[in-house]
Each structure stands twice: as C-alpha cells, then as structure tokens.
N, C-alpha and C. Protein backbone atom coordinates (compact mmCIF):
# COMPACT_ATOMS: atom_id res chain seq x y z
N MET A 1 0.85 -1.18 0.00
CA MET A 1 0.00 0.00 0.00
C MET A 1 0.90 1.24 0.00
N ASP A 2 0.51 2.20 -0.78
CA ASP A 2 1.19 3.49 -0.87
C ASP A 2 0.70 4.37 0.28
N GLU A 3 1.43 5.44 0.57
CA GLU A 3 1.01 6.31 1.67
C GLU A 3 1.49 7.74 1.43
N LEU A 4 0.67 8.69 1.86
CA LEU A 4 1.06 10.09 1.95
C LEU A 4 1.24 10.37 3.44
N PRO A 5 2.50 10.28 3.93
CA PRO A 5 2.74 10.45 5.37
C PRO A 5 2.32 11.84 5.86
N ALA A 6 2.04 11.94 7.14
CA ALA A 6 1.56 13.19 7.74
C ALA A 6 2.54 14.33 7.53
N ARG A 7 3.83 14.07 7.47
CA ARG A 7 4.83 15.13 7.31
C ARG A 7 5.04 15.55 5.86
N VAL A 8 4.38 14.87 4.93
CA VAL A 8 4.53 15.16 3.50
C VAL A 8 3.26 15.85 3.01
N ASN A 9 3.43 16.95 2.27
CA ASN A 9 2.27 17.71 1.79
C ASN A 9 1.83 17.35 0.39
N ARG A 10 2.75 16.81 -0.44
CA ARG A 10 2.41 16.59 -1.84
C ARG A 10 3.08 15.32 -2.34
N LYS A 11 2.37 14.61 -3.22
CA LYS A 11 2.93 13.43 -3.86
C LYS A 11 2.40 13.36 -5.27
N ALA A 12 3.30 13.14 -6.22
CA ALA A 12 2.93 12.99 -7.62
C ALA A 12 3.65 11.76 -8.15
N GLU A 13 2.93 10.93 -8.87
CA GLU A 13 3.52 9.68 -9.33
C GLU A 13 2.72 9.11 -10.50
N THR A 14 3.36 8.24 -11.25
CA THR A 14 2.68 7.44 -12.26
C THR A 14 2.87 5.98 -11.87
N VAL A 15 1.77 5.26 -11.80
CA VAL A 15 1.81 3.83 -11.50
C VAL A 15 1.20 3.08 -12.67
N THR A 16 1.68 1.88 -12.90
CA THR A 16 1.12 1.03 -13.95
C THR A 16 0.30 -0.07 -13.29
N LEU A 17 -0.99 -0.07 -13.61
CA LEU A 17 -1.89 -1.08 -13.08
C LEU A 17 -1.95 -2.25 -14.06
N PRO A 18 -1.62 -3.45 -13.63
CA PRO A 18 -1.74 -4.63 -14.50
C PRO A 18 -3.21 -4.88 -14.86
N PRO A 19 -3.46 -5.76 -15.82
CA PRO A 19 -4.85 -6.10 -16.17
C PRO A 19 -5.63 -6.58 -14.95
N ARG A 20 -6.94 -6.42 -14.99
CA ARG A 20 -7.77 -6.79 -13.85
C ARG A 20 -7.51 -8.22 -13.40
N LYS A 21 -7.63 -8.39 -12.11
CA LYS A 21 -7.47 -9.67 -11.44
C LYS A 21 -6.04 -10.21 -11.49
N VAL A 22 -5.06 -9.38 -11.87
CA VAL A 22 -3.65 -9.74 -11.80
C VAL A 22 -3.06 -8.96 -10.65
N LYS A 23 -2.14 -9.56 -9.90
CA LYS A 23 -1.57 -8.87 -8.73
C LYS A 23 -1.17 -7.44 -9.09
N GLY A 24 -1.64 -6.48 -8.29
CA GLY A 24 -1.33 -5.08 -8.52
C GLY A 24 -2.39 -4.34 -9.33
N TRP A 25 -3.47 -4.99 -9.71
CA TRP A 25 -4.52 -4.35 -10.53
C TRP A 25 -5.26 -3.27 -9.76
N VAL A 26 -5.07 -3.24 -8.42
CA VAL A 26 -5.63 -2.19 -7.57
C VAL A 26 -4.47 -1.48 -6.88
N HIS A 27 -4.50 -0.16 -6.89
CA HIS A 27 -3.49 0.64 -6.20
C HIS A 27 -4.21 1.45 -5.13
N GLU A 28 -3.73 1.37 -3.89
CA GLU A 28 -4.38 2.06 -2.80
C GLU A 28 -3.36 2.92 -2.06
N MET A 29 -3.79 4.13 -1.68
CA MET A 29 -2.94 5.06 -0.96
C MET A 29 -3.63 5.50 0.33
N LYS A 30 -2.92 5.34 1.43
CA LYS A 30 -3.43 5.77 2.74
C LYS A 30 -3.03 7.23 2.97
N VAL A 31 -3.99 8.03 3.39
CA VAL A 31 -3.75 9.43 3.71
C VAL A 31 -4.37 9.70 5.08
N SER A 32 -3.52 10.11 6.03
CA SER A 32 -4.01 10.49 7.36
C SER A 32 -4.26 11.99 7.35
N LEU A 33 -5.48 12.38 7.67
CA LEU A 33 -5.84 13.79 7.68
C LEU A 33 -6.25 14.22 9.09
N SER A 34 -5.73 15.36 9.51
CA SER A 34 -6.03 15.92 10.83
C SER A 34 -7.16 16.93 10.70
N ASP A 35 -7.68 17.38 11.82
CA ASP A 35 -8.70 18.42 11.82
C ASP A 35 -8.18 19.64 11.05
N GLY A 36 -9.00 20.19 10.19
CA GLY A 36 -8.63 21.37 9.42
C GLY A 36 -7.87 21.08 8.14
N GLU A 37 -7.58 19.82 7.87
CA GLU A 37 -6.88 19.47 6.63
C GLU A 37 -7.86 18.94 5.60
N SER A 38 -7.53 19.19 4.34
CA SER A 38 -8.27 18.61 3.22
C SER A 38 -7.25 18.10 2.21
N LEU A 39 -7.73 17.47 1.18
CA LEU A 39 -6.84 16.87 0.19
C LEU A 39 -7.29 17.26 -1.21
N GLN A 40 -6.42 17.91 -1.94
CA GLN A 40 -6.67 18.17 -3.36
C GLN A 40 -6.10 16.99 -4.14
N TYR A 41 -6.80 16.59 -5.19
CA TYR A 41 -6.33 15.45 -5.97
C TYR A 41 -6.65 15.64 -7.45
N GLU A 42 -5.79 15.07 -8.26
CA GLU A 42 -6.04 14.96 -9.69
C GLU A 42 -5.47 13.63 -10.13
N THR A 43 -6.25 12.90 -10.91
CA THR A 43 -5.82 11.60 -11.41
C THR A 43 -6.25 11.49 -12.87
N ARG A 44 -5.38 10.90 -13.66
CA ARG A 44 -5.69 10.71 -15.08
C ARG A 44 -5.09 9.42 -15.58
N HIS A 45 -5.81 8.80 -16.52
CA HIS A 45 -5.28 7.56 -17.10
C HIS A 45 -5.32 7.53 -18.61
N GLY A 46 -5.80 8.57 -19.25
CA GLY A 46 -5.69 8.69 -20.70
C GLY A 46 -6.42 7.66 -21.53
N ARG A 47 -7.38 7.00 -20.98
CA ARG A 47 -8.18 6.04 -21.74
C ARG A 47 -9.65 6.41 -21.61
N ASP A 48 -10.49 5.56 -22.14
CA ASP A 48 -11.93 5.81 -22.07
C ASP A 48 -12.44 5.72 -20.64
N ALA A 49 -13.63 6.27 -20.43
CA ALA A 49 -14.29 6.19 -19.13
C ALA A 49 -14.51 4.72 -18.77
N ASN A 50 -14.59 4.46 -17.50
CA ASN A 50 -14.87 3.15 -16.93
C ASN A 50 -13.72 2.15 -17.04
N VAL A 51 -12.54 2.57 -17.52
CA VAL A 51 -11.38 1.68 -17.55
C VAL A 51 -10.77 1.59 -16.16
N VAL A 52 -10.63 2.73 -15.51
CA VAL A 52 -10.10 2.77 -14.15
C VAL A 52 -11.15 3.38 -13.23
N ALA A 53 -11.49 2.66 -12.19
CA ALA A 53 -12.42 3.18 -11.19
C ALA A 53 -11.60 3.78 -10.05
N PHE A 54 -11.96 5.00 -9.65
CA PHE A 54 -11.28 5.71 -8.58
C PHE A 54 -12.27 5.95 -7.45
N ASN A 55 -11.80 5.84 -6.21
CA ASN A 55 -12.66 6.18 -5.09
C ASN A 55 -11.83 6.67 -3.92
N ILE A 56 -12.49 7.37 -3.02
CA ILE A 56 -11.94 7.74 -1.73
C ILE A 56 -12.85 7.10 -0.70
N HIS A 57 -12.25 6.36 0.22
CA HIS A 57 -13.06 5.64 1.21
C HIS A 57 -12.36 5.60 2.56
N ARG A 58 -13.07 5.05 3.53
CA ARG A 58 -12.56 4.92 4.89
C ARG A 58 -13.03 3.59 5.46
N HIS A 59 -12.15 2.94 6.20
CA HIS A 59 -12.48 1.69 6.88
C HIS A 59 -12.76 2.00 8.35
N GLN A 60 -13.87 1.53 8.84
CA GLN A 60 -14.21 1.63 10.26
C GLN A 60 -14.68 0.25 10.68
N GLY A 61 -13.72 -0.55 11.15
CA GLY A 61 -14.00 -1.96 11.42
C GLY A 61 -14.26 -2.66 10.09
N LYS A 62 -15.35 -3.39 10.02
CA LYS A 62 -15.71 -4.08 8.77
C LYS A 62 -16.49 -3.18 7.82
N GLU A 63 -16.89 -2.01 8.30
CA GLU A 63 -17.68 -1.08 7.48
C GLU A 63 -16.76 -0.20 6.62
N VAL A 64 -17.13 -0.03 5.37
CA VAL A 64 -16.40 0.85 4.46
C VAL A 64 -17.35 1.97 4.02
N THR A 65 -16.91 3.21 4.20
CA THR A 65 -17.69 4.37 3.78
C THR A 65 -17.01 4.99 2.57
N TYR A 66 -17.76 5.18 1.48
CA TYR A 66 -17.21 5.80 0.27
C TYR A 66 -17.62 7.27 0.24
N TYR A 67 -16.64 8.13 -0.04
CA TYR A 67 -16.90 9.57 -0.10
C TYR A 67 -16.97 10.07 -1.53
N THR A 68 -16.29 9.39 -2.43
CA THR A 68 -16.39 9.72 -3.84
C THR A 68 -16.07 8.48 -4.65
N LYS A 69 -16.76 8.35 -5.78
CA LYS A 69 -16.51 7.27 -6.74
C LYS A 69 -16.61 7.89 -8.12
N ASP A 70 -15.67 7.55 -9.00
CA ASP A 70 -15.67 8.12 -10.35
C ASP A 70 -14.88 7.21 -11.27
N ALA A 71 -15.18 7.24 -12.55
CA ALA A 71 -14.47 6.40 -13.51
C ALA A 71 -14.15 7.16 -14.80
N ARG A 72 -14.09 8.48 -14.71
CA ARG A 72 -13.72 9.26 -15.89
C ARG A 72 -12.20 9.23 -16.09
N PRO A 73 -11.72 9.50 -17.31
CA PRO A 73 -10.28 9.48 -17.57
C PRO A 73 -9.50 10.56 -16.81
N VAL A 74 -10.14 11.67 -16.48
CA VAL A 74 -9.51 12.74 -15.70
C VAL A 74 -10.47 13.12 -14.58
N ILE A 75 -9.95 13.06 -13.36
CA ILE A 75 -10.77 13.35 -12.18
C ILE A 75 -9.98 14.29 -11.29
N SER A 76 -10.63 15.32 -10.79
CA SER A 76 -9.96 16.21 -9.85
C SER A 76 -10.98 16.74 -8.86
N GLY A 77 -10.48 17.15 -7.72
CA GLY A 77 -11.38 17.69 -6.71
C GLY A 77 -10.66 17.96 -5.42
N THR A 78 -11.43 18.34 -4.42
CA THR A 78 -10.92 18.54 -3.07
C THR A 78 -11.78 17.73 -2.12
N PHE A 79 -11.13 16.95 -1.30
CA PHE A 79 -11.82 16.13 -0.32
C PHE A 79 -11.64 16.76 1.05
N ALA A 80 -12.73 17.17 1.67
CA ALA A 80 -12.72 17.71 3.03
C ALA A 80 -13.36 16.65 3.92
N PRO A 81 -12.57 15.95 4.71
CA PRO A 81 -13.13 14.85 5.50
C PRO A 81 -14.08 15.34 6.58
N PRO A 82 -15.03 14.51 6.97
CA PRO A 82 -15.98 14.89 8.01
C PRO A 82 -15.33 14.95 9.39
N GLU A 83 -14.19 14.28 9.55
CA GLU A 83 -13.43 14.26 10.80
C GLU A 83 -12.02 13.79 10.50
N SER A 84 -11.14 13.91 11.46
CA SER A 84 -9.77 13.45 11.24
C SER A 84 -9.73 11.92 11.20
N GLY A 85 -8.67 11.39 10.58
CA GLY A 85 -8.52 9.94 10.52
C GLY A 85 -7.79 9.51 9.27
N ASP A 86 -7.79 8.20 9.05
CA ASP A 86 -7.14 7.61 7.88
C ASP A 86 -8.17 7.42 6.77
N PHE A 87 -7.82 7.89 5.58
CA PHE A 87 -8.67 7.76 4.40
C PHE A 87 -7.83 7.11 3.31
N TYR A 88 -8.51 6.53 2.33
CA TYR A 88 -7.81 5.77 1.30
C TYR A 88 -8.28 6.18 -0.09
N LEU A 89 -7.31 6.45 -0.95
CA LEU A 89 -7.58 6.68 -2.36
C LEU A 89 -7.29 5.36 -3.05
N MET A 90 -8.18 4.94 -3.95
CA MET A 90 -7.99 3.65 -4.60
C MET A 90 -8.30 3.73 -6.08
N TRP A 91 -7.43 3.10 -6.88
CA TRP A 91 -7.59 2.99 -8.32
C TRP A 91 -7.71 1.51 -8.66
N GLU A 92 -8.69 1.16 -9.46
CA GLU A 92 -8.93 -0.23 -9.85
C GLU A 92 -8.98 -0.33 -11.37
N ASN A 93 -8.11 -1.15 -11.93
CA ASN A 93 -8.10 -1.37 -13.37
C ASN A 93 -9.20 -2.37 -13.72
N ARG A 94 -10.16 -1.92 -14.50
CA ARG A 94 -11.27 -2.78 -14.90
C ARG A 94 -11.05 -3.43 -16.27
N SER A 95 -9.93 -3.13 -16.90
CA SER A 95 -9.70 -3.61 -18.26
C SER A 95 -8.80 -4.85 -18.28
N ASP A 96 -8.66 -5.42 -19.46
CA ASP A 96 -7.79 -6.58 -19.67
C ASP A 96 -6.41 -6.16 -20.16
N HIS A 97 -6.09 -4.87 -20.06
CA HIS A 97 -4.80 -4.33 -20.49
C HIS A 97 -4.19 -3.52 -19.36
N LYS A 98 -2.86 -3.43 -19.34
CA LYS A 98 -2.26 -2.59 -18.31
C LYS A 98 -2.58 -1.12 -18.61
N VAL A 99 -2.64 -0.33 -17.54
CA VAL A 99 -3.01 1.08 -17.66
C VAL A 99 -2.08 1.90 -16.79
N ASP A 100 -1.53 2.97 -17.36
CA ASP A 100 -0.72 3.92 -16.59
C ASP A 100 -1.66 4.96 -15.98
N VAL A 101 -1.53 5.16 -14.68
CA VAL A 101 -2.33 6.15 -13.96
C VAL A 101 -1.37 7.17 -13.36
N THR A 102 -1.62 8.43 -13.63
CA THR A 102 -0.83 9.51 -13.07
C THR A 102 -1.69 10.27 -12.08
N TYR A 103 -1.12 10.54 -10.91
CA TYR A 103 -1.88 11.26 -9.91
C TYR A 103 -1.02 12.31 -9.22
N VAL A 104 -1.70 13.32 -8.71
CA VAL A 104 -1.09 14.33 -7.85
C VAL A 104 -2.06 14.52 -6.69
N VAL A 105 -1.54 14.38 -5.48
CA VAL A 105 -2.35 14.63 -4.29
C VAL A 105 -1.61 15.65 -3.43
N GLN A 106 -2.36 16.55 -2.84
CA GLN A 106 -1.74 17.60 -2.04
C GLN A 106 -2.57 17.87 -0.80
N ARG A 107 -1.91 17.81 0.34
CA ARG A 107 -2.54 18.09 1.62
C ARG A 107 -2.67 19.61 1.75
N ILE A 108 -3.85 20.07 2.13
CA ILE A 108 -4.11 21.50 2.32
C ILE A 108 -4.46 21.71 3.79
N ARG A 109 -3.73 22.58 4.42
CA ARG A 109 -4.02 22.92 5.83
C ARG A 109 -4.78 24.24 5.87
N ALA A 110 -5.82 24.26 6.66
CA ALA A 110 -6.60 25.49 6.80
C ALA A 110 -5.72 26.56 7.43
N SER A 111 -5.80 27.77 6.88
CA SER A 111 -5.01 28.87 7.47
C SER A 111 -5.69 29.34 8.75
N ARG A 112 -4.88 29.72 9.69
CA ARG A 112 -5.42 30.14 11.00
C ARG A 112 -5.16 31.60 11.21
C-alpha cells in the first residue's frame, strides 16, 4: 500500500496497473488527515471512461464508507473529510490491459 505520510504535503507519481485480477490491478494510498486538513487530488489515465475506477473511502471496522466514486479518464477535486482519521484513495483497473495512472495529491491545511 502506498502512503502520503503526515509530514509530506504533496505526492505525484505514475503507477502502472496490470490487467484486472492480476496482482497489482488495484493501487491504494493511505492518507491520514487531521482536523482542518483537506486533500486536493487529480488523477488521469488517458483512456476511455470506466477503464479505471477511482474512489476515496474509509475503513471503520468491517464497514467501508465511500466519499467519492468516479471512472472518468480525468478526475480532480478537493476532499474535506468529516473528521480526522485515515482515508484511502484507490484505483482499480477494470480492463484486460495494463493502464498507466498519473496522480497528484496535495494536503491542504486550513489557514489560521
């Protein structure tokens, strides 16, 4: 699992997702957010819609809460969590071909 550590504000990377159901076909990134923090994100995969499914979610025991789900080739936004905690960005390759996914995530701290 990938991670955006608390001391790091920005991460940009390109990952190659193997075809669906092959090891690595899902890429997940853990992001710990504190009170007053939000996360700006942009992800792109340069193919048709529905090839890569993207979501932001949270695990609370066996329960999973999804905050956003999208499958467009270019997705961007700002995620303001309802409370502090660990959140997960996840990319899932739904195709039978490998797909390069490029993302940029940036932690935003509220100014005081």
